Amino acid sequence: NPNGGWRTRKFKHFVQGGDFGDREANINKLVRQMN
């Protein structure tokens, strides 16, 4: 699980403040948190 946890609304789209969907280059930040 990512350091600091998922966003408050995990099941909203990334652009709406959630986590799912295409996050383009921001996936690299998530990989650092989850690796």
PDB file of all heavy atoms in Angstrom:
ATOM      1  N   ASN A   1       0.855  -1.188   0.000  1.00  0.00           N
ATOM      2  CA  ASN A   1       0.000   0.000   0.000  1.00  0.00           C
ATOM      3  C   ASN A   1       0.890   1.236   0.000  1.00  0.00           C
ATOM      4  O   ASN A   1       1.974   1.210   0.595  1.00  0.00           O
ATOM      5  CB  ASN A   1      -0.908   0.015   1.228  1.00  0.00           C
ATOM      6  CG  ASN A   1      -2.185  -0.769   0.988  1.00  0.00           C
ATOM      7  OD1 ASN A   1      -2.733  -0.763  -0.115  1.00  0.00           O
ATOM      8  ND2 ASN A   1      -2.647  -1.470   2.005  1.00  0.00           N
ATOM      9  N   PRO A   2       0.470   2.324  -0.656  1.00  0.00           N
ATOM     10  CA  PRO A   2       1.369   3.491  -0.744  1.00  0.00           C
ATOM     11  C   PRO A   2       1.621   4.142   0.610  1.00  0.00           C
ATOM     12  O   PRO A   2       0.738   4.156   1.466  1.00  0.00           O
ATOM     13  CB  PRO A   2       0.612   4.453  -1.674  1.00  0.00           C
ATOM     14  CG  PRO A   2      -0.794   4.010  -1.635  1.00  0.00           C
ATOM     15  CD  PRO A   2      -0.787   2.538  -1.364  1.00  0.00           C
ATOM     16  N   ASN A   3       2.849   4.646   0.797  1.00  0.00           N
ATOM     17  CA  ASN A   3       3.176   5.391   2.022  1.00  0.00           C
ATOM     18  C   ASN A   3       2.244   6.593   2.140  1.00  0.00           C
ATOM     19  O   ASN A   3       2.078   7.350   1.194  1.00  0.00           O
ATOM     20  CB  ASN A   3       4.620   5.917   1.964  1.00  0.00           C
ATOM     21  CG  ASN A   3       5.612   4.799   2.198  1.00  0.00           C
ATOM     22  OD1 ASN A   3       5.257   3.765   2.742  1.00  0.00           O
ATOM     23  ND2 ASN A   3       6.845   4.994   1.772  1.00  0.00           N
ATOM     24  N   GLY A   4       1.640   6.751   3.304  1.00  0.00           N
ATOM     25  CA  GLY A   4       0.709   7.872   3.484  1.00  0.00           C
ATOM     26  C   GLY A   4      -0.695   7.519   3.045  1.00  0.00           C
ATOM     27  O   GLY A   4      -1.617   8.327   3.175  1.00  0.00           O
ATOM     28  N   GLY A   5      -0.874   6.306   2.500  1.00  0.00           N
ATOM     29  CA  GLY A   5      -2.214   5.832   2.120  1.00  0.00           C
ATOM     30  C   GLY A   5      -2.710   6.408   0.806  1.00  0.00           C
ATOM     31  O   GLY A   5      -2.062   7.240   0.171  1.00  0.00           O
ATOM     32  N   TRP A   6      -3.892   5.922   0.402  1.00  0.00           N
ATOM     33  CA  TRP A   6      -4.540   6.427  -0.803  1.00  0.00           C
ATOM     34  C   TRP A   6      -5.186   7.770  -0.518  1.00  0.00           C
ATOM     35  O   TRP A   6      -5.244   8.207   0.626  1.00  0.00           O
ATOM     36  CB  TRP A   6      -5.610   5.425  -1.279  1.00  0.00           C
ATOM     37  CG  TRP A   6      -5.070   4.088  -1.658  1.00  0.00           C
ATOM     38  CD1 TRP A   6      -5.073   2.951  -0.901  1.00  0.00           C
ATOM     39  CD2 TRP A   6      -4.418   3.741  -2.888  1.00  0.00           C
ATOM     40  NE1 TRP A   6      -4.462   1.918  -1.576  1.00  0.00           N
ATOM     41  CE2 TRP A   6      -4.062   2.366  -2.800  1.00  0.00           C
ATOM     42  CE3 TRP A   6      -4.109   4.435  -4.057  1.00  0.00           C
ATOM     43  CZ2 TRP A   6      -3.423   1.691  -3.821  1.00  0.00           C
ATOM     44  CZ3 TRP A   6      -3.470   3.759  -5.086  1.00  0.00           C
ATOM     45  CH2 TRP A   6      -3.132   2.411  -4.962  1.00  0.00           C
ATOM     46  N   ARG A   7      -5.715   8.397  -1.544  1.00  0.00           N
ATOM     47  CA  ARG A   7      -6.421   9.661  -1.340  1.00  0.00           C
ATOM     48  C   ARG A   7      -7.717   9.402  -0.585  1.00  0.00           C
ATOM     49  O   ARG A   7      -8.190   8.268  -0.490  1.00  0.00           O
ATOM     50  CB  ARG A   7      -6.735  10.305  -2.690  1.00  0.00           C
ATOM     51  CG  ARG A   7      -5.506  10.862  -3.393  1.00  0.00           C
ATOM     52  CD  ARG A   7      -5.936  11.511  -4.670  1.00  0.00           C
ATOM     53  NE  ARG A   7      -4.839  12.249  -5.298  1.00  0.00           N
ATOM     54  CZ  ARG A   7      -5.018  13.069  -6.309  1.00  0.00           C
ATOM     55  NH1 ARG A   7      -6.217  13.294  -6.790  1.00  0.00           N
ATOM     56  NH2 ARG A   7      -3.999  13.695  -6.852  1.00  0.00           N
ATOM     57  N   THR A   8      -8.345  10.490  -0.081  1.00  0.00           N
ATOM     58  CA  THR A   8      -9.547  10.340   0.746  1.00  0.00           C
ATOM     59  C   THR A   8     -10.651   9.626  -0.015  1.00  0.00           C
ATOM     60  O   THR A   8     -11.318   8.757   0.516  1.00  0.00           O
ATOM     61  CB  THR A   8     -10.058  11.736   1.199  1.00  0.00           C
ATOM     62  OG1 THR A   8      -8.928  12.541   1.523  1.00  0.00           O
ATOM     63  CG2 THR A   8     -10.954  11.628   2.415  1.00  0.00           C
ATOM     64  N   ARG A   9     -10.864  10.037  -1.287  1.00  0.00           N
ATOM     65  CA  ARG A   9     -11.870   9.365  -2.110  1.00  0.00           C
ATOM     66  C   ARG A   9     -11.160   8.495  -3.134  1.00  0.00           C
ATOM     67  O   ARG A   9     -10.936   8.910  -4.271  1.00  0.00           O
ATOM     68  CB  ARG A   9     -12.788  10.390  -2.813  1.00  0.00           C
ATOM     69  CG  ARG A   9     -13.523  11.316  -1.888  1.00  0.00           C
ATOM     70  CD  ARG A   9     -14.398  10.599  -0.866  1.00  0.00           C
ATOM     71  NE  ARG A   9     -15.354   9.701  -1.508  1.00  0.00           N
ATOM     72  CZ  ARG A   9     -15.789   8.591  -0.934  1.00  0.00           C
ATOM     73  NH1 ARG A   9     -15.332   8.231   0.253  1.00  0.00           N
ATOM     74  NH2 ARG A   9     -16.661   7.834  -1.550  1.00  0.00           N
ATOM     75  N   LYS A  10     -10.806   7.299  -2.730  1.00  0.00           N
ATOM     76  CA  LYS A  10     -10.019   6.397  -3.576  1.00  0.00           C
ATOM     77  C   LYS A  10     -10.757   6.043  -4.867  1.00  0.00           C
ATOM     78  O   LYS A  10     -10.144   5.880  -5.915  1.00  0.00           O
ATOM     79  CB  LYS A  10      -9.721   5.128  -2.778  1.00  0.00           C
ATOM     80  CG  LYS A  10      -8.887   4.087  -3.505  1.00  0.00           C
ATOM     81  CD  LYS A  10      -8.676   2.896  -2.583  1.00  0.00           C
ATOM     82  CE  LYS A  10      -7.974   1.765  -3.277  1.00  0.00           C
ATOM     83  NZ  LYS A  10      -7.795   0.598  -2.417  1.00  0.00           N
ATOM     84  N   PHE A  11     -12.088   5.924  -4.797  1.00  0.00           N
ATOM     85  CA  PHE A  11     -12.846   5.418  -5.940  1.00  0.00           C
ATOM     86  C   PHE A  11     -13.434   6.520  -6.820  1.00  0.00           C
ATOM     87  O   PHE A  11     -14.407   6.303  -7.525  1.00  0.00           O
ATOM     88  CB  PHE A  11     -13.922   4.430  -5.468  1.00  0.00           C
ATOM     89  CG  PHE A  11     -13.335   3.273  -4.710  1.00  0.00           C
ATOM     90  CD1 PHE A  11     -13.819   2.901  -3.471  1.00  0.00           C
ATOM     91  CD2 PHE A  11     -12.248   2.578  -5.230  1.00  0.00           C
ATOM     92  CE1 PHE A  11     -13.246   1.846  -2.782  1.00  0.00           C
ATOM     93  CE2 PHE A  11     -11.677   1.518  -4.552  1.00  0.00           C
ATOM     94  CZ  PHE A  11     -12.174   1.152  -3.312  1.00  0.00           C
ATOM     95  N   LYS A  12     -12.862   7.716  -6.742  1.00  0.00           N
ATOM     96  CA  LYS A  12     -13.150   8.758  -7.732  1.00  0.00           C
ATOM     97  C   LYS A  12     -11.992   8.774  -8.728  1.00  0.00           C
ATOM     98  O   LYS A  12     -10.911   8.279  -8.428  1.00  0.00           O
ATOM     99  CB  LYS A  12     -13.236  10.125  -7.047  1.00  0.00           C
ATOM    100  CG  LYS A  12     -14.604  10.439  -6.453  1.00  0.00           C
ATOM    101  CD  LYS A  12     -14.613  11.875  -5.958  1.00  0.00           C
ATOM    102  CE  LYS A  12     -15.995  12.281  -5.496  1.00  0.00           C
ATOM    103  NZ  LYS A  12     -16.001  13.669  -5.009  1.00  0.00           N
ATOM    104  N   HIS A  13     -12.211   9.392  -9.875  1.00  0.00           N
ATOM    105  CA  HIS A  13     -11.131   9.477 -10.869  1.00  0.00           C
ATOM    106  C   HIS A  13     -10.006  10.357 -10.330  1.00  0.00           C
ATOM    107  O   HIS A  13     -10.238  11.263  -9.517  1.00  0.00           O
ATOM    108  CB  HIS A  13     -11.660  10.057 -12.187  1.00  0.00           C
ATOM    109  CG  HIS A  13     -10.740   9.796 -13.344  1.00  0.00           C
ATOM    110  ND1 HIS A  13      -9.571  10.495 -13.526  1.00  0.00           N
ATOM    111  CD2 HIS A  13     -10.805   8.886 -14.356  1.00  0.00           C
ATOM    112  CE1 HIS A  13      -8.956  10.042 -14.616  1.00  0.00           C
ATOM    113  NE2 HIS A  13      -9.687   9.067 -15.139  1.00  0.00           N
ATOM    114  N   PHE A  14      -8.785  10.100 -10.788  1.00  0.00           N
ATOM    115  CA  PHE A  14      -7.600  10.840 -10.322  1.00  0.00           C
ATOM    116  C   PHE A  14      -7.778  12.345 -10.495  1.00  0.00           C
ATOM    117  O   PHE A  14      -7.413  13.131  -9.620  1.00  0.00           O
ATOM    118  CB  PHE A  14      -6.356  10.359 -11.088  1.00  0.00           C
ATOM    119  CG  PHE A  14      -5.084  11.025 -10.650  1.00  0.00           C
ATOM    120  CD1 PHE A  14      -4.491  10.706  -9.435  1.00  0.00           C
ATOM    121  CD2 PHE A  14      -4.473  11.986 -11.436  1.00  0.00           C
ATOM    122  CE1 PHE A  14      -3.321  11.315  -9.023  1.00  0.00           C
ATOM    123  CE2 PHE A  14      -3.300  12.608 -11.036  1.00  0.00           C
ATOM    124  CZ  PHE A  14      -2.722  12.271  -9.827  1.00  0.00           C
ATOM    125  N   VAL A  15      -8.370  12.771 -11.624  1.00  0.00           N
ATOM    126  CA  VAL A  15      -8.522  14.212 -11.883  1.00  0.00           C
ATOM    127  C   VAL A  15      -9.596  14.845 -10.993  1.00  0.00           C
ATOM    128  O   VAL A  15      -9.657  16.064 -10.852  1.00  0.00           O
ATOM    129  CB  VAL A  15      -8.840  14.499 -13.371  1.00  0.00           C
ATOM    130  CG1 VAL A  15      -7.682  14.125 -14.248  1.00  0.00           C
ATOM    131  CG2 VAL A  15     -10.112  13.798 -13.814  1.00  0.00           C
ATOM    132  N   GLN A  16     -10.441  14.003 -10.365  1.00  0.00           N
ATOM    133  CA  GLN A  16     -11.475  14.513  -9.462  1.00  0.00           C
ATOM    134  C   GLN A  16     -11.053  14.409  -7.999  1.00  0.00           C
ATOM    135  O   GLN A  16     -11.866  14.567  -7.097  1.00  0.00           O
ATOM    136  CB  GLN A  16     -12.780  13.721  -9.666  1.00  0.00           C
ATOM    137  CG  GLN A  16     -13.378  13.898 -11.058  1.00  0.00           C
ATOM    138  CD  GLN A  16     -14.558  12.970 -11.284  1.00  0.00           C
ATOM    139  OE1 GLN A  16     -14.554  11.813 -10.829  1.00  0.00           O
ATOM    140  NE2 GLN A  16     -15.567  13.457 -11.978  1.00  0.00           N
ATOM    141  N   GLY A  17      -9.777  14.113  -7.796  1.00  0.00           N
ATOM    142  CA  GLY A  17      -9.263  14.009  -6.421  1.00  0.00           C
ATOM    143  C   GLY A  17      -9.269  12.594  -5.877  1.00  0.00           C
ATOM    144  O   GLY A  17      -9.029  12.370  -4.694  1.00  0.00           O
ATOM    145  N   GLY A  18      -9.540  11.619  -6.753  1.00  0.00           N
ATOM    146  CA  GLY A  18      -9.521  10.216  -6.326  1.00  0.00           C
ATOM    147  C   GLY A  18      -8.234   9.531  -6.755  1.00  0.00           C
ATOM    148  O   GLY A  18      -7.187  10.178  -6.855  1.00  0.00           O
ATOM    149  N   ASP A  19      -8.344   8.220  -7.037  1.00  0.00           N
ATOM    150  CA  ASP A  19      -7.122   7.466  -7.368  1.00  0.00           C
ATOM    151  C   ASP A  19      -7.193   6.683  -8.670  1.00  0.00           C
ATOM    152  O   ASP A  19      -6.160   6.394  -9.256  1.00  0.00           O
ATOM    153  CB  ASP A  19      -6.776   6.489  -6.231  1.00  0.00           C
ATOM    154  CG  ASP A  19      -5.883   7.147  -5.198  1.00  0.00           C
ATOM    155  OD1 ASP A  19      -4.818   7.665  -5.570  1.00  0.00           O
ATOM    156  OD2 ASP A  19      -6.264   7.164  -4.017  1.00  0.00           O
ATOM    157  N   PHE A  20      -8.374   6.287  -9.119  1.00  0.00           N
ATOM    158  CA  PHE A  20      -8.390   5.412 -10.294  1.00  0.00           C
ATOM    159  C   PHE A  20      -8.211   6.197 -11.589  1.00  0.00           C
ATOM    160  O   PHE A  20      -8.335   7.413 -11.632  1.00  0.00           O
ATOM    161  CB  PHE A  20      -9.649   4.521 -10.303  1.00  0.00           C
ATOM    162  CG  PHE A  20     -10.924   5.188 -10.767  1.00  0.00           C
ATOM    163  CD1 PHE A  20     -11.117   5.508 -12.108  1.00  0.00           C
ATOM    164  CD2 PHE A  20     -11.959   5.438  -9.881  1.00  0.00           C
ATOM    165  CE1 PHE A  20     -12.300   6.084 -12.549  1.00  0.00           C
ATOM    166  CE2 PHE A  20     -13.150   6.019 -10.308  1.00  0.00           C
ATOM    167  CZ  PHE A  20     -13.322   6.345 -11.650  1.00  0.00           C
ATOM    168  N   GLY A  21      -7.910   5.458 -12.668  1.00  0.00           N
ATOM    169  CA  GLY A  21      -7.794   6.075 -13.989  1.00  0.00           C
ATOM    170  C   GLY A  21      -6.367   6.459 -14.360  1.00  0.00           C
ATOM    171  O   GLY A  21      -5.406   6.127 -13.656  1.00  0.00           O
ATOM    172  N   ASP A  22      -6.265   7.170 -15.466  1.00  0.00           N
ATOM    173  CA  ASP A  22      -4.967   7.558 -16.033  1.00  0.00           C
ATOM    174  C   ASP A  22      -4.376   8.719 -15.240  1.00  0.00           C
ATOM    175  O   ASP A  22      -5.001   9.771 -15.109  1.00  0.00           O
ATOM    176  CB  ASP A  22      -5.169   7.963 -17.500  1.00  0.00           C
ATOM    177  CG  ASP A  22      -3.843   8.227 -18.205  1.00  0.00           C
ATOM    178  OD1 ASP A  22      -2.788   8.032 -17.582  1.00  0.00           O
ATOM    179  OD2 ASP A  22      -3.885   8.627 -19.387  1.00  0.00           O
ATOM    180  N   ARG A  23      -3.161   8.523 -14.697  1.00  0.00           N
ATOM    181  CA  ARG A  23      -2.501   9.611 -13.962  1.00  0.00           C
ATOM    182  C   ARG A  23      -1.203  10.036 -14.647  1.00  0.00           C
ATOM    183  O   ARG A  23      -0.370  10.720 -14.038  1.00  0.00           O
ATOM    184  CB  ARG A  23      -2.263   9.224 -12.502  1.00  0.00           C
ATOM    185  CG  ARG A  23      -1.556   7.909 -12.264  1.00  0.00           C
ATOM    186  CD  ARG A  23      -1.263   7.705 -10.797  1.00  0.00           C
ATOM    187  NE  ARG A  23      -2.436   7.388 -10.025  1.00  0.00           N
ATOM    188  CZ  ARG A  23      -2.562   7.638  -8.717  1.00  0.00           C
ATOM    189  NH1 ARG A  23      -1.555   8.179  -8.053  1.00  0.00           N
ATOM    190  NH2 ARG A  23      -3.659   7.332  -8.073  1.00  0.00           N
ATOM    191  N   GLU A  24      -1.004   9.580 -15.907  1.00  0.00           N
ATOM    192  CA  GLU A  24       0.130   9.979 -16.745  1.00  0.00           C
ATOM    193  C   GLU A  24       1.456   9.860 -15.995  1.00  0.00           C
ATOM    194  O   GLU A  24       1.758   8.822 -15.457  1.00  0.00           O
ATOM    195  CB  GLU A  24      -0.114  11.389 -17.312  1.00  0.00           C
ATOM    196  CG  GLU A  24      -1.328  11.426 -18.222  1.00  0.00           C
ATOM    197  CD  GLU A  24      -1.716  12.820 -18.671  1.00  0.00           C
ATOM    198  OE1 GLU A  24      -1.061  13.796 -18.262  1.00  0.00           O
ATOM    199  OE2 GLU A  24      -2.685  12.926 -19.435  1.00  0.00           O
ATOM    200  N   ALA A  25       2.240  10.946 -15.921  1.00  0.00           N
ATOM    201  CA  ALA A  25       3.577  10.861 -15.299  1.00  0.00           C
ATOM    202  C   ALA A  25       3.502  10.728 -13.779  1.00  0.00           C
ATOM    203  O   ALA A  25       4.498  10.360 -13.137  1.00  0.00           O
ATOM    204  CB  ALA A  25       4.401  12.085 -15.673  1.00  0.00           C
ATOM    205  N   ASN A  26       2.337  11.014 -13.190  1.00  0.00           N
ATOM    206  CA  ASN A  26       2.194  10.907 -11.728  1.00  0.00           C
ATOM    207  C   ASN A  26       2.255   9.463 -11.236  1.00  0.00           C
ATOM    208  O   ASN A  26       2.327   9.233 -10.031  1.00  0.00           O
ATOM    209  CB  ASN A  26       0.875  11.547 -11.272  1.00  0.00           C
ATOM    210  CG  ASN A  26       0.928  13.056 -11.367  1.00  0.00           C
ATOM    211  OD1 ASN A  26       1.832  13.703 -10.845  1.00  0.00           O
ATOM    212  ND2 ASN A  26      -0.030  13.640 -12.068  1.00  0.00           N
ATOM    213  N   ILE A  27       2.230   8.512 -12.164  1.00  0.00           N
ATOM    214  CA  ILE A  27       2.368   7.104 -11.768  1.00  0.00           C
ATOM    215  C   ILE A  27       3.731   6.869 -11.121  1.00  0.00           C
ATOM    216  O   ILE A  27       3.883   6.021 -10.246  1.00  0.00           O
ATOM    217  CB  ILE A  27       2.168   6.148 -12.980  1.00  0.00           C
ATOM    218  CG1 ILE A  27       1.979   4.692 -12.525  1.00  0.00           C
ATOM    219  CG2 ILE A  27       3.320   6.216 -13.959  1.00  0.00           C
ATOM    220  CD1 ILE A  27       0.667   4.376 -11.905  1.00  0.00           C
ATOM    221  N   ASN A  28       4.728   7.664 -11.524  1.00  0.00           N
ATOM    222  CA  ASN A  28       6.088   7.478 -10.975  1.00  0.00           C
ATOM    223  C   ASN A  28       6.133   7.789  -9.477  1.00  0.00           C
ATOM    224  O   ASN A  28       6.799   7.100  -8.719  1.00  0.00           O
ATOM    225  CB  ASN A  28       7.084   8.370 -11.741  1.00  0.00           C
ATOM    226  CG  ASN A  28       7.186   7.964 -13.192  1.00  0.00           C
ATOM    227  OD1 ASN A  28       7.453   6.816 -13.504  1.00  0.00           O
ATOM    228  ND2 ASN A  28       6.911   8.887 -14.091  1.00  0.00           N
ATOM    229  N   LYS A  29       5.355   8.798  -9.063  1.00  0.00           N
ATOM    230  CA  LYS A  29       5.291   9.148  -7.645  1.00  0.00           C
ATOM    231  C   LYS A  29       4.632   8.004  -6.876  1.00  0.00           C
ATOM    232  O   LYS A  29       5.079   7.626  -5.775  1.00  0.00           O
ATOM    233  CB  LYS A  29       4.501  10.446  -7.473  1.00  0.00           C
ATOM    234  CG  LYS A  29       4.526  11.007  -6.056  1.00  0.00           C
ATOM    235  CD  LYS A  29       3.665  12.249  -5.929  1.00  0.00           C
ATOM    236  CE  LYS A  29       3.595  12.697  -4.484  1.00  0.00           C
ATOM    237  NZ  LYS A  29       2.610  13.767  -4.279  1.00  0.00           N
ATOM    238  N   LEU A  30       3.579   7.439  -7.469  1.00  0.00           N
ATOM    239  CA  LEU A  30       2.870   6.317  -6.807  1.00  0.00           C
ATOM    240  C   LEU A  30       3.783   5.089  -6.695  1.00  0.00           C
ATOM    241  O   LEU A  30       3.778   4.405  -5.663  1.00  0.00           O
ATOM    242  CB  LEU A  30       1.599   5.967  -7.595  1.00  0.00           C
ATOM    243  CG  LEU A  30       0.722   4.884  -6.984  1.00  0.00           C
ATOM    244  CD1 LEU A  30       0.073   5.382  -5.703  1.00  0.00           C
ATOM    245  CD2 LEU A  30      -0.342   4.403  -7.947  1.00  0.00           C
ATOM    246  N   VAL A  31       4.566   4.834  -7.742  1.00  0.00           N
ATOM    247  CA  VAL A  31       5.498   3.687  -7.717  1.00  0.00           C
ATOM    248  C   VAL A  31       6.499   3.845  -6.576  1.00  0.00           C
ATOM    249  O   VAL A  31       6.787   2.891  -5.854  1.00  0.00           O
ATOM    250  CB  VAL A  31       6.219   3.529  -9.080  1.00  0.00           C
ATOM    251  CG1 VAL A  31       7.406   2.575  -8.967  1.00  0.00           C
ATOM    252  CG2 VAL A  31       5.262   3.029 -10.143  1.00  0.00           C
ATOM    253  N   ARG A  32       7.029   5.083  -6.389  1.00  0.00           N
ATOM    254  CA  ARG A  32       7.970   5.330  -5.270  1.00  0.00           C
ATOM    255  C   ARG A  32       7.296   5.010  -3.930  1.00  0.00           C
ATOM    256  O   ARG A  32       7.918   4.457  -3.025  1.00  0.00           O
ATOM    257  CB  ARG A  32       8.397   6.813  -5.215  1.00  0.00           C
ATOM    258  CG  ARG A  32       9.007   7.375  -6.441  1.00  0.00           C
ATOM    259  CD  ARG A  32      10.489   7.138  -6.628  1.00  0.00           C
ATOM    260  NE  ARG A  32      10.908   7.698  -7.877  1.00  0.00           N
ATOM    261  CZ  ARG A  32      10.633   7.186  -9.072  1.00  0.00           C
ATOM    262  NH1 ARG A  32       9.950   6.062  -9.162  1.00  0.00           N
ATOM    263  NH2 ARG A  32      11.052   7.747 -10.182  1.00  0.00           N
ATOM    264  N   GLN A  33       6.003   5.392  -3.801  1.00  0.00           N
ATOM    265  CA  GLN A  33       5.313   5.176  -2.539  1.00  0.00           C
ATOM    266  C   GLN A  33       4.989   3.701  -2.296  1.00  0.00           C
ATOM    267  O   GLN A  33       4.958   3.252  -1.158  1.00  0.00           O
ATOM    268  CB  GLN A  33       3.987   5.974  -2.526  1.00  0.00           C
ATOM    269  CG  GLN A  33       4.171   7.477  -2.423  1.00  0.00           C
ATOM    270  CD  GLN A  33       2.861   8.211  -2.567  1.00  0.00           C
ATOM    271  OE1 GLN A  33       2.091   7.998  -3.505  1.00  0.00           O
ATOM    272  NE2 GLN A  33       2.569   9.092  -1.633  1.00  0.00           N
ATOM    273  N   MET A  34       4.756   2.958  -3.379  1.00  0.00           N
ATOM    274  CA  MET A  34       4.328   1.567  -3.231  1.00  0.00           C
ATOM    275  C   MET A  34       5.472   0.558  -3.281  1.00  0.00           C
ATOM    276  O   MET A  34       5.302  -0.590  -2.897  1.00  0.00           O
ATOM    277  CB  MET A  34       3.314   1.205  -4.322  1.00  0.00           C
ATOM    278  CG  MET A  34       2.033   1.984  -4.235  1.00  0.00           C
ATOM    279  SD  MET A  34       0.840   1.508  -5.507  1.00  0.00           S
ATOM    280  CE  MET A  34       0.135   0.036  -4.801  1.00  0.00           C
ATOM    281  N   ASN A  35       6.625   0.975  -3.810  1.00  0.00           N
ATOM    282  CA  ASN A  35       7.727   0.037  -4.013  1.00  0.00           C
ATOM    283  C   ASN A  35       8.478  -0.239  -2.716  1.00  0.00           C
ATOM    284  O   ASN A  35       8.662   0.627  -1.894  1.00  0.00           O
ATOM    285  CB  ASN A  35       8.695   0.593  -5.071  1.00  0.00           C
ATOM    286  CG  ASN A  35       9.573  -0.497  -5.633  1.00  0.00           C
ATOM    287  OD1 ASN A  35       9.480  -1.648  -5.227  1.00  0.00           O
ATOM    288  ND2 ASN A  35      10.405  -0.158  -6.576  1.00  0.00           N
TER     289      ASN A  35
END
